[in-house]
PDB file of all heavy atoms in Angstrom:
ATOM      1  N   THR A   1      54.080 -66.821 -18.303  1.00  0.00           N
ATOM      2  CA  THR A   1      52.688 -66.566 -17.930  1.00  0.00           C
ATOM      3  C   THR A   1      52.310 -67.553 -16.829  1.00  0.00           C
ATOM      4  O   THR A   1      53.049 -68.500 -16.544  1.00  0.00           O
ATOM      5  CB  THR A   1      51.725 -66.760 -19.118  1.00  0.00           C
ATOM      6  OG1 THR A   1      51.764 -68.118 -19.535  1.00  0.00           O
ATOM      7  CG2 THR A   1      52.059 -65.821 -20.266  1.00  0.00           C
ATOM      8  N   LYS A   2      51.160 -67.326 -16.243  1.00  0.00           N
ATOM      9  CA  LYS A   2      50.572 -68.312 -15.345  1.00  0.00           C
ATOM     10  C   LYS A   2      49.639 -69.177 -16.192  1.00  0.00           C
ATOM     11  O   LYS A   2      49.364 -68.870 -17.355  1.00  0.00           O
ATOM     12  CB  LYS A   2      49.823 -67.621 -14.185  1.00  0.00           C
ATOM     13  CG  LYS A   2      50.765 -67.079 -13.126  1.00  0.00           C
ATOM     14  CD  LYS A   2      51.616 -68.205 -12.569  1.00  0.00           C
ATOM     15  CE  LYS A   2      52.405 -67.815 -11.351  1.00  0.00           C
ATOM     16  NZ  LYS A   2      53.206 -68.953 -10.854  1.00  0.00           N
ATOM     17  N   TYR A   3      49.125 -70.242 -15.620  1.00  0.00           N
ATOM     18  CA  TYR A   3      48.343 -71.205 -16.390  1.00  0.00           C
ATOM     19  C   TYR A   3      47.069 -70.592 -16.976  1.00  0.00           C
ATOM     20  O   TYR A   3      46.584 -71.040 -18.009  1.00  0.00           O
ATOM     21  CB  TYR A   3      48.007 -72.435 -15.535  1.00  0.00           C
ATOM     22  CG  TYR A   3      47.681 -73.634 -16.378  1.00  0.00           C
ATOM     23  CD1 TYR A   3      48.690 -74.371 -16.984  1.00  0.00           C
ATOM     24  CD2 TYR A   3      46.367 -74.013 -16.590  1.00  0.00           C
ATOM     25  CE1 TYR A   3      48.404 -75.463 -17.781  1.00  0.00           C
ATOM     26  CE2 TYR A   3      46.066 -75.102 -17.384  1.00  0.00           C
ATOM     27  CZ  TYR A   3      47.088 -75.827 -17.973  1.00  0.00           C
ATOM     28  OH  TYR A   3      46.797 -76.898 -18.769  1.00  0.00           O
ATOM     29  N   ASP A   4      46.560 -69.531 -16.352  1.00  0.00           N
ATOM     30  CA  ASP A   4      45.357 -68.874 -16.880  1.00  0.00           C
ATOM     31  C   ASP A   4      45.674 -67.874 -17.994  1.00  0.00           C
ATOM     32  O   ASP A   4      44.793 -67.193 -18.499  1.00  0.00           O
ATOM     33  CB  ASP A   4      44.583 -68.175 -15.757  1.00  0.00           C
ATOM     34  CG  ASP A   4      45.322 -66.996 -15.147  1.00  0.00           C
ATOM     35  OD1 ASP A   4      46.512 -66.763 -15.471  1.00  0.00           O
ATOM     36  OD2 ASP A   4      44.702 -66.295 -14.315  1.00  0.00           O
ATOM     37  N   GLY A   5      46.948 -67.782 -18.369  1.00  0.00           N
ATOM     38  CA  GLY A   5      47.361 -66.882 -19.444  1.00  0.00           C
ATOM     39  C   GLY A   5      47.791 -65.506 -18.977  1.00  0.00           C
ATOM     40  O   GLY A   5      48.271 -64.704 -19.776  1.00  0.00           O
ATOM     41  N   SER A   6      47.640 -65.207 -17.693  1.00  0.00           N
ATOM     42  CA  SER A   6      48.047 -63.888 -17.204  1.00  0.00           C
ATOM     43  C   SER A   6      49.565 -63.752 -17.230  1.00  0.00           C
ATOM     44  O   SER A   6      50.309 -64.716 -16.987  1.00  0.00           O
ATOM     45  CB  SER A   6      47.505 -63.639 -15.797  1.00  0.00           C
ATOM     46  OG  SER A   6      48.000 -64.603 -14.893  1.00  0.00           O
ATOM     47  N   LEU A   7      50.019 -62.550 -17.539  1.00  0.00           N
ATOM     48  CA  LEU A   7      51.446 -62.265 -17.634  1.00  0.00           C
ATOM     49  C   LEU A   7      52.097 -62.400 -16.264  1.00  0.00           C
ATOM     50  O   LEU A   7      51.595 -61.883 -15.264  1.00  0.00           O
ATOM     51  CB  LEU A   7      51.642 -60.844 -18.184  1.00  0.00           C
ATOM     52  CG  LEU A   7      53.060 -60.437 -18.550  1.00  0.00           C
ATOM     53  CD1 LEU A   7      53.654 -61.360 -19.621  1.00  0.00           C
ATOM     54  CD2 LEU A   7      53.067 -58.995 -19.051  1.00  0.00           C
ATOM     55  N   HIS A   8      53.211 -63.103 -16.220  1.00  0.00           N
ATOM     56  CA  HIS A   8      53.975 -63.278 -14.981  1.00  0.00           C
ATOM     57  C   HIS A   8      55.302 -62.525 -15.175  1.00  0.00           C
ATOM     58  O   HIS A   8      55.292 -61.367 -15.563  1.00  0.00           O
ATOM     59  CB  HIS A   8      54.129 -64.778 -14.696  1.00  0.00           C
ATOM     60  CG  HIS A   8      54.644 -65.116 -13.342  1.00  0.00           C
ATOM     61  ND1 HIS A   8      54.180 -64.528 -12.192  1.00  0.00           N
ATOM     62  CD2 HIS A   8      55.599 -65.995 -12.948  1.00  0.00           C
ATOM     63  CE1 HIS A   8      54.827 -65.027 -11.138  1.00  0.00           C
ATOM     64  NE2 HIS A   8      55.697 -65.915 -11.578  1.00  0.00           N
ATOM     65  N   TRP A   9      56.428 -63.153 -14.944  1.00  0.00           N
ATOM     66  CA  TRP A   9      57.714 -62.472 -15.122  1.00  0.00           C
ATOM     67  C   TRP A   9      57.996 -62.267 -16.608  1.00  0.00           C
ATOM     68  O   TRP A   9      57.776 -63.163 -17.424  1.00  0.00           O
ATOM     69  CB  TRP A   9      58.844 -63.272 -14.492  1.00  0.00           C
ATOM     70  CG  TRP A   9      58.826 -63.215 -13.001  1.00  0.00           C
ATOM     71  CD1 TRP A   9      58.403 -64.194 -12.147  1.00  0.00           C
ATOM     72  CD2 TRP A   9      59.251 -62.122 -12.179  1.00  0.00           C
ATOM     73  NE1 TRP A   9      58.531 -63.771 -10.845  1.00  0.00           N
ATOM     74  CE2 TRP A   9      59.054 -62.502 -10.827  1.00  0.00           C
ATOM     75  CE3 TRP A   9      59.762 -60.857 -12.448  1.00  0.00           C
ATOM     76  CZ2 TRP A   9      59.354 -61.673  -9.758  1.00  0.00           C
ATOM     77  CZ3 TRP A   9      60.071 -60.023 -11.382  1.00  0.00           C
ATOM     78  CH2 TRP A   9      59.867 -60.434 -10.060  1.00  0.00           C
ATOM     79  N   HIS A  10      58.506 -61.094 -16.960  1.00  0.00           N
ATOM     80  CA  HIS A  10      58.830 -60.792 -18.355  1.00  0.00           C
ATOM     81  C   HIS A  10      59.934 -59.753 -18.409  1.00  0.00           C
ATOM     82  O   HIS A  10      60.054 -58.888 -17.535  1.00  0.00           O
ATOM     83  CB  HIS A  10      57.581 -60.327 -19.118  1.00  0.00           C
ATOM     84  CG  HIS A  10      56.893 -59.136 -18.499  1.00  0.00           C
ATOM     85  ND1 HIS A  10      57.024 -57.863 -18.992  1.00  0.00           N
ATOM     86  CD2 HIS A  10      56.081 -59.039 -17.415  1.00  0.00           C
ATOM     87  CE1 HIS A  10      56.304 -57.026 -18.254  1.00  0.00           C
ATOM     88  NE2 HIS A  10      55.724 -57.720 -17.284  1.00  0.00           N
ATOM     89  N   HIS A  11      60.760 -59.867 -19.448  1.00  0.00           N
ATOM     90  CA  HIS A  11      61.880 -58.944 -19.628  1.00  0.00           C
ATOM     91  C   HIS A  11      62.497 -59.139 -21.011  1.00  0.00           C
ATOM     92  O   HIS A  11      62.123 -60.050 -21.752  1.00  0.00           O
ATOM     93  CB  HIS A  11      62.946 -59.156 -18.538  1.00  0.00           C
ATOM     94  CG  HIS A  11      63.583 -60.503 -18.548  1.00  0.00           C
ATOM     95  ND1 HIS A  11      64.762 -60.766 -19.194  1.00  0.00           N
ATOM     96  CD2 HIS A  11      63.196 -61.680 -17.990  1.00  0.00           C
ATOM     97  CE1 HIS A  11      65.088 -62.031 -19.024  1.00  0.00           C
ATOM     98  NE2 HIS A  11      64.143 -62.610 -18.300  1.00  0.00           N
ATOM     99  N   THR A  12      63.435 -58.282 -21.317  1.00  0.00           N
ATOM    100  CA  THR A  12      64.200 -58.386 -22.550  1.00  0.00           C
ATOM    101  C   THR A  12      65.563 -58.969 -22.204  1.00  0.00           C
ATOM    102  O   THR A  12      66.122 -58.672 -21.143  1.00  0.00           O
ATOM    103  CB  THR A  12      64.367 -56.988 -23.192  1.00  0.00           C
ATOM    104  OG1 THR A  12      63.059 -56.461 -23.462  1.00  0.00           O
ATOM    105  CG2 THR A  12      65.155 -57.051 -24.475  1.00  0.00           C
ATOM    106  N   ALA A  13      66.077 -59.799 -23.085  1.00  0.00           N
ATOM    107  CA  ALA A  13      67.405 -60.384 -22.898  1.00  0.00           C
ATOM    108  C   ALA A  13      68.118 -60.378 -24.242  1.00  0.00           C
ATOM    109  O   ALA A  13      67.501 -60.143 -25.285  1.00  0.00           O
ATOM    110  CB  ALA A  13      67.286 -61.810 -22.364  1.00  0.00           C
ATOM    111  N   ARG A  14      69.399 -60.648 -24.200  1.00  0.00           N
ATOM    112  CA  ARG A  14      70.182 -60.730 -25.430  1.00  0.00           C
ATOM    113  C   ARG A  14      70.376 -62.206 -25.771  1.00  0.00           C
ATOM    114  O   ARG A  14      70.874 -62.975 -24.952  1.00  0.00           O
ATOM    115  CB  ARG A  14      71.531 -60.045 -25.240  1.00  0.00           C
ATOM    116  CG  ARG A  14      72.263 -59.836 -26.548  1.00  0.00           C
ATOM    117  CD  ARG A  14      73.518 -59.020 -26.355  1.00  0.00           C
ATOM    118  NE  ARG A  14      74.427 -59.774 -25.499  1.00  0.00           N
ATOM    119  CZ  ARG A  14      75.347 -59.224 -24.716  1.00  0.00           C
ATOM    120  NH1 ARG A  14      75.479 -57.930 -24.655  1.00  0.00           N
ATOM    121  NH2 ARG A  14      76.134 -59.975 -23.990  1.00  0.00           N
ATOM    122  N   LEU A  15      69.975 -62.594 -26.950  1.00  0.00           N
ATOM    123  CA  LEU A  15      70.153 -63.961 -27.402  1.00  0.00           C
ATOM    124  C   LEU A  15      71.647 -64.202 -27.596  1.00  0.00           C
ATOM    125  O   LEU A  15      72.307 -63.485 -28.346  1.00  0.00           O
ATOM    126  CB  LEU A  15      69.404 -64.173 -28.718  1.00  0.00           C
ATOM    127  CG  LEU A  15      69.380 -65.574 -29.274  1.00  0.00           C
ATOM    128  CD1 LEU A  15      68.633 -66.511 -28.333  1.00  0.00           C
ATOM    129  CD2 LEU A  15      68.724 -65.573 -30.640  1.00  0.00           C
ATOM    130  N   LEU A  16      72.200 -65.198 -26.906  1.00  0.00           N
ATOM    131  CA  LEU A  16      73.638 -65.456 -26.956  1.00  0.00           C
ATOM    132  C   LEU A  16      74.005 -66.577 -27.907  1.00  0.00           C
ATOM    133  O   LEU A  16      75.066 -66.552 -28.514  1.00  0.00           O
ATOM    134  CB  LEU A  16      74.162 -65.779 -25.553  1.00  0.00           C
ATOM    135  CG  LEU A  16      73.966 -64.694 -24.502  1.00  0.00           C
ATOM    136  CD1 LEU A  16      74.431 -65.194 -23.136  1.00  0.00           C
ATOM    137  CD2 LEU A  16      74.710 -63.419 -24.891  1.00  0.00           C
ATOM    138  N   GLY A  17      73.165 -67.587 -28.004  1.00  0.00           N
ATOM    139  CA  GLY A  17      73.475 -68.716 -28.874  1.00  0.00           C
ATOM    140  C   GLY A  17      72.779 -69.973 -28.418  1.00  0.00           C
ATOM    141  O   GLY A  17      71.876 -69.944 -27.584  1.00  0.00           O
ATOM    142  N   GLU A  18      73.256 -71.085 -28.972  1.00  0.00           N
ATOM    143  CA  GLU A  18      72.605 -72.362 -28.754  1.00  0.00           C
ATOM    144  C   GLU A  18      73.662 -73.441 -28.642  1.00  0.00           C
ATOM    145  O   GLU A  18      74.706 -73.365 -29.290  1.00  0.00           O
ATOM    146  CB  GLU A  18      71.697 -72.608 -29.971  1.00  0.00           C
ATOM    147  CG  GLU A  18      70.783 -73.752 -29.850  1.00  0.00           C
ATOM    148  CD  GLU A  18      69.766 -73.783 -30.987  1.00  0.00           C
ATOM    149  OE1 GLU A  18      69.679 -72.807 -31.762  1.00  0.00           O
ATOM    150  OE2 GLU A  18      69.066 -74.792 -31.090  1.00  0.00           O
ATOM    151  N   ASP A  19      73.409 -74.435 -27.789  1.00  0.00           N
ATOM    152  CA  ASP A  19      74.292 -75.592 -27.686  1.00  0.00           C
ATOM    153  C   ASP A  19      73.448 -76.842 -27.467  1.00  0.00           C
ATOM    154  O   ASP A  19      72.233 -76.800 -27.650  1.00  0.00           O
ATOM    155  CB  ASP A  19      75.356 -75.391 -26.592  1.00  0.00           C
ATOM    156  CG  ASP A  19      74.799 -75.334 -25.179  1.00  0.00           C
ATOM    157  OD1 ASP A  19      73.600 -75.617 -24.976  1.00  0.00           O
ATOM    158  OD2 ASP A  19      75.567 -74.997 -24.254  1.00  0.00           O
ATOM    159  N   VAL A  20      74.072 -77.928 -27.066  1.00  0.00           N
ATOM    160  CA  VAL A  20      73.338 -79.183 -26.883  1.00  0.00           C
ATOM    161  C   VAL A  20      72.278 -79.088 -25.791  1.00  0.00           C
ATOM    162  O   VAL A  20      71.344 -79.896 -25.759  1.00  0.00           O
ATOM    163  CB  VAL A  20      74.289 -80.362 -26.576  1.00  0.00           C
ATOM    164  CG1 VAL A  20      75.226 -80.604 -27.742  1.00  0.00           C
ATOM    165  CG2 VAL A  20      75.057 -80.130 -25.298  1.00  0.00           C
ATOM    166  N   HIS A  21      72.388 -78.110 -24.891  1.00  0.00           N
ATOM    167  CA  HIS A  21      71.450 -77.974 -23.784  1.00  0.00           C
ATOM    168  C   HIS A  21      70.230 -77.132 -24.144  1.00  0.00           C
ATOM    169  O   HIS A  21      69.206 -77.214 -23.474  1.00  0.00           O
ATOM    170  CB  HIS A  21      72.148 -77.375 -22.565  1.00  0.00           C
ATOM    171  CG  HIS A  21      73.338 -78.164 -22.142  1.00  0.00           C
ATOM    172  ND1 HIS A  21      73.238 -79.406 -21.553  1.00  0.00           N
ATOM    173  CD2 HIS A  21      74.656 -77.906 -22.251  1.00  0.00           C
ATOM    174  CE1 HIS A  21      74.442 -79.878 -21.310  1.00  0.00           C
ATOM    175  NE2 HIS A  21      75.314 -78.991 -21.729  1.00  0.00           N
ATOM    176  N   GLY A  22      70.345 -76.304 -25.166  1.00  0.00           N
ATOM    177  CA  GLY A  22      69.236 -75.449 -25.564  1.00  0.00           C
ATOM    178  C   GLY A  22      69.706 -74.078 -25.998  1.00  0.00           C
ATOM    179  O   GLY A  22      70.850 -73.896 -26.408  1.00  0.00           O
ATOM    180  N   VAL A  23      68.812 -73.117 -25.862  1.00  0.00           N
ATOM    181  CA  VAL A  23      69.069 -71.736 -26.282  1.00  0.00           C
ATOM    182  C   VAL A  23      69.427 -70.910 -25.051  1.00  0.00           C
ATOM    183  O   VAL A  23      68.754 -70.988 -24.020  1.00  0.00           O
ATOM    184  CB  VAL A  23      67.828 -71.143 -26.982  1.00  0.00           C
ATOM    185  CG1 VAL A  23      68.064 -69.689 -27.374  1.00  0.00           C
ATOM    186  CG2 VAL A  23      67.457 -71.981 -28.205  1.00  0.00           C
ATOM    187  N   TRP A  24      70.478 -70.102 -25.177  1.00  0.00           N
ATOM    188  CA  TRP A  24      70.977 -69.281 -24.075  1.00  0.00           C
ATOM    189  C   TRP A  24      70.727 -67.806 -24.368  1.00  0.00           C
ATOM    190  O   TRP A  24      70.938 -67.339 -25.491  1.00  0.00           O
ATOM    191  CB  TRP A  24      72.474 -69.499 -23.888  1.00  0.00           C
ATOM    192  CG  TRP A  24      72.827 -70.872 -23.413  1.00  0.00           C
ATOM    193  CD1 TRP A  24      72.986 -71.989 -24.189  1.00  0.00           C
ATOM    194  CD2 TRP A  24      73.072 -71.273 -22.068  1.00  0.00           C
ATOM    195  NE1 TRP A  24      73.304 -73.058 -23.397  1.00  0.00           N
ATOM    196  CE2 TRP A  24      73.372 -72.660 -22.094  1.00  0.00           C
ATOM    197  CE3 TRP A  24      73.065 -70.611 -20.842  1.00  0.00           C
ATOM    198  CZ2 TRP A  24      73.666 -73.376 -20.945  1.00  0.00           C
ATOM    199  CZ3 TRP A  24      73.366 -71.328 -19.703  1.00  0.00           C
ATOM    200  CH2 TRP A  24      73.659 -72.694 -19.752  1.00  0.00           C
ATOM    201  N   ALA A  25      70.300 -67.078 -23.342  1.00  0.00           N
ATOM    202  CA  ALA A  25      70.109 -65.624 -23.429  1.00  0.00           C
ATOM    203  C   ALA A  25      70.697 -65.016 -22.164  1.00  0.00           C
ATOM    204  O   ALA A  25      70.791 -65.681 -21.127  1.00  0.00           O
ATOM    205  CB  ALA A  25      68.633 -65.275 -23.548  1.00  0.00           C
ATOM    206  N   GLY A  26      71.121 -63.759 -22.230  1.00  0.00           N
ATOM    207  CA  GLY A  26      71.748 -63.144 -21.071  1.00  0.00           C
ATOM    208  C   GLY A  26      71.304 -61.723 -20.832  1.00  0.00           C
ATOM    209  O   GLY A  26      70.796 -61.050 -21.731  1.00  0.00           O
ATOM    210  N   CYS A  27      71.505 -61.309 -19.589  1.00  0.00           N
ATOM    211  CA  CYS A  27      71.207 -59.942 -19.166  1.00  0.00           C
ATOM    212  C   CYS A  27      72.394 -59.412 -18.372  1.00  0.00           C
ATOM    213  O   CYS A  27      72.892 -60.103 -17.468  1.00  0.00           O
ATOM    214  CB  CYS A  27      69.956 -59.899 -18.287  1.00  0.00           C
ATOM    215  SG  CYS A  27      68.448 -60.333 -19.170  1.00  0.00           S
ATOM    216  N   PRO A  28      72.847 -58.206 -18.668  1.00  0.00           N
ATOM    217  CA  PRO A  28      73.967 -57.633 -17.919  1.00  0.00           C
ATOM    218  C   PRO A  28      73.539 -57.168 -16.532  1.00  0.00           C
ATOM    219  O   PRO A  28      72.338 -57.058 -16.241  1.00  0.00           O
ATOM    220  CB  PRO A  28      74.382 -56.446 -18.784  1.00  0.00           C
ATOM    221  CG  PRO A  28      73.111 -56.026 -19.454  1.00  0.00           C
ATOM    222  CD  PRO A  28      72.348 -57.298 -19.686  1.00  0.00           C
ATOM    223  N   ALA A  29      74.504 -56.900 -15.690  1.00  0.00           N
ATOM    224  CA  ALA A  29      74.217 -56.315 -14.376  1.00  0.00           C
ATOM    225  C   ALA A  29      73.395 -55.051 -14.584  1.00  0.00           C
ATOM    226  O   ALA A  29      73.633 -54.283 -15.517  1.00  0.00           O
ATOM    227  CB  ALA A  29      75.518 -55.995 -13.656  1.00  0.00           C
ATOM    228  N   GLY A  30      72.393 -54.849 -13.744  1.00  0.00           N
ATOM    229  CA  GLY A  30      71.538 -53.674 -13.850  1.00  0.00           C
ATOM    230  C   GLY A  30      70.302 -53.883 -14.706  1.00  0.00           C
ATOM    231  O   GLY A  30      69.461 -52.990 -14.809  1.00  0.00           O
ATOM    232  N   ALA A  31      70.182 -55.062 -15.320  1.00  0.00           N
ATOM    233  CA  ALA A  31      68.985 -55.355 -16.114  1.00  0.00           C
ATOM    234  C   ALA A  31      67.781 -55.465 -15.182  1.00  0.00           C
ATOM    235  O   ALA A  31      67.918 -55.734 -13.994  1.00  0.00           O
ATOM    236  CB  ALA A  31      69.172 -56.654 -16.892  1.00  0.00           C
ATOM    237  N   SER A  32      66.615 -55.241 -15.748  1.00  0.00           N
ATOM    238  CA  SER A  32      65.412 -55.335 -14.923  1.00  0.00           C
ATOM    239  C   SER A  32      64.394 -56.263 -15.569  1.00  0.00           C
ATOM    240  O   SER A  32      64.427 -56.519 -16.763  1.00  0.00           O
ATOM    241  CB  SER A  32      64.800 -53.949 -14.709  1.00  0.00           C
ATOM    242  OG  SER A  32      64.345 -53.415 -15.931  1.00  0.00           O
ATOM    243  N   MET A  33      63.504 -56.775 -14.722  1.00  0.00           N
ATOM    244  CA  MET A  33      62.369 -57.562 -15.183  1.00  0.00           C
ATOM    245  C   MET A  33      61.169 -57.181 -14.351  1.00  0.00           C
ATOM    246  O   MET A  33      61.314 -56.567 -13.289  1.00  0.00           O
ATOM    247  CB  MET A  33      62.669 -59.065 -15.132  1.00  0.00           C
ATOM    248  CG  MET A  33      62.919 -59.648 -13.776  1.00  0.00           C
ATOM    249  SD  MET A  33      63.090 -61.460 -13.783  1.00  0.00           S
ATOM    250  CE  MET A  33      64.477 -61.709 -14.842  1.00  0.00           C
ATOM    251  N   ARG A  34      60.006 -57.530 -14.851  1.00  0.00           N
ATOM    252  CA  ARG A  34      58.769 -57.185 -14.148  1.00  0.00           C
ATOM    253  C   ARG A  34      57.911 -58.430 -13.955  1.00  0.00           C
ATOM    254  O   ARG A  34      57.904 -59.311 -14.796  1.00  0.00           O
ATOM    255  CB  ARG A  34      57.968 -56.166 -14.957  1.00  0.00           C
ATOM    256  CG  ARG A  34      58.665 -54.831 -15.085  1.00  0.00           C
ATOM    257  CD  ARG A  34      57.894 -53.885 -15.942  1.00  0.00           C
ATOM    258  NE  ARG A  34      56.656 -53.508 -15.249  1.00  0.00           N
ATOM    259  CZ  ARG A  34      55.791 -52.634 -15.723  1.00  0.00           C
ATOM    260  NH1 ARG A  34      55.999 -52.073 -16.891  1.00  0.00           N
ATOM    261  NH2 ARG A  34      54.717 -52.318 -15.043  1.00  0.00           N
ATOM    262  N   ARG A  35      57.176 -58.436 -12.864  1.00  0.00           N
ATOM    263  CA  ARG A  35      56.174 -59.472 -12.634  1.00  0.00           C
ATOM    264  C   ARG A  35      54.835 -58.827 -12.933  1.00  0.00           C
ATOM    265  O   ARG A  35      54.407 -57.902 -12.231  1.00  0.00           O
ATOM    266  CB  ARG A  35      56.228 -59.983 -11.207  1.00  0.00           C
ATOM    267  CG  ARG A  35      55.194 -61.073 -10.971  1.00  0.00           C
ATOM    268  CD  ARG A  35      55.353 -61.829  -9.699  1.00  0.00           C
ATOM    269  NE  ARG A  35      55.631 -60.972  -8.569  1.00  0.00           N
ATOM    270  CZ  ARG A  35      56.110 -61.404  -7.409  1.00  0.00           C
ATOM    271  NH1 ARG A  35      56.389 -62.673  -7.241  1.00  0.00           N
ATOM    272  NH2 ARG A  35      56.322 -60.570  -6.421  1.00  0.00           N
ATOM    273  N   GLY A  36      54.199 -59.270 -14.015  1.00  0.00           N
ATOM    274  CA  GLY A  36      52.934 -58.678 -14.432  1.00  0.00           C
ATOM    275  C   GLY A  36      53.111 -57.194 -14.685  1.00  0.00           C
ATOM    276  O   GLY A  36      53.993 -56.786 -15.431  1.00  0.00           O
TER     277      GLY A  36
END
C-alpha cells in the first residue's frame, strides 16, 4: 500500500519457505501483478 492506505502493487505468489533471511515466495514466468 501507500502511506495513506491506498492499494499499490498487489499479486498472488506461492509461499516457498523460510530461512535465516526471512520468508520467500515465488511467481512463475507469465505471472501478473497490478498497481492499484
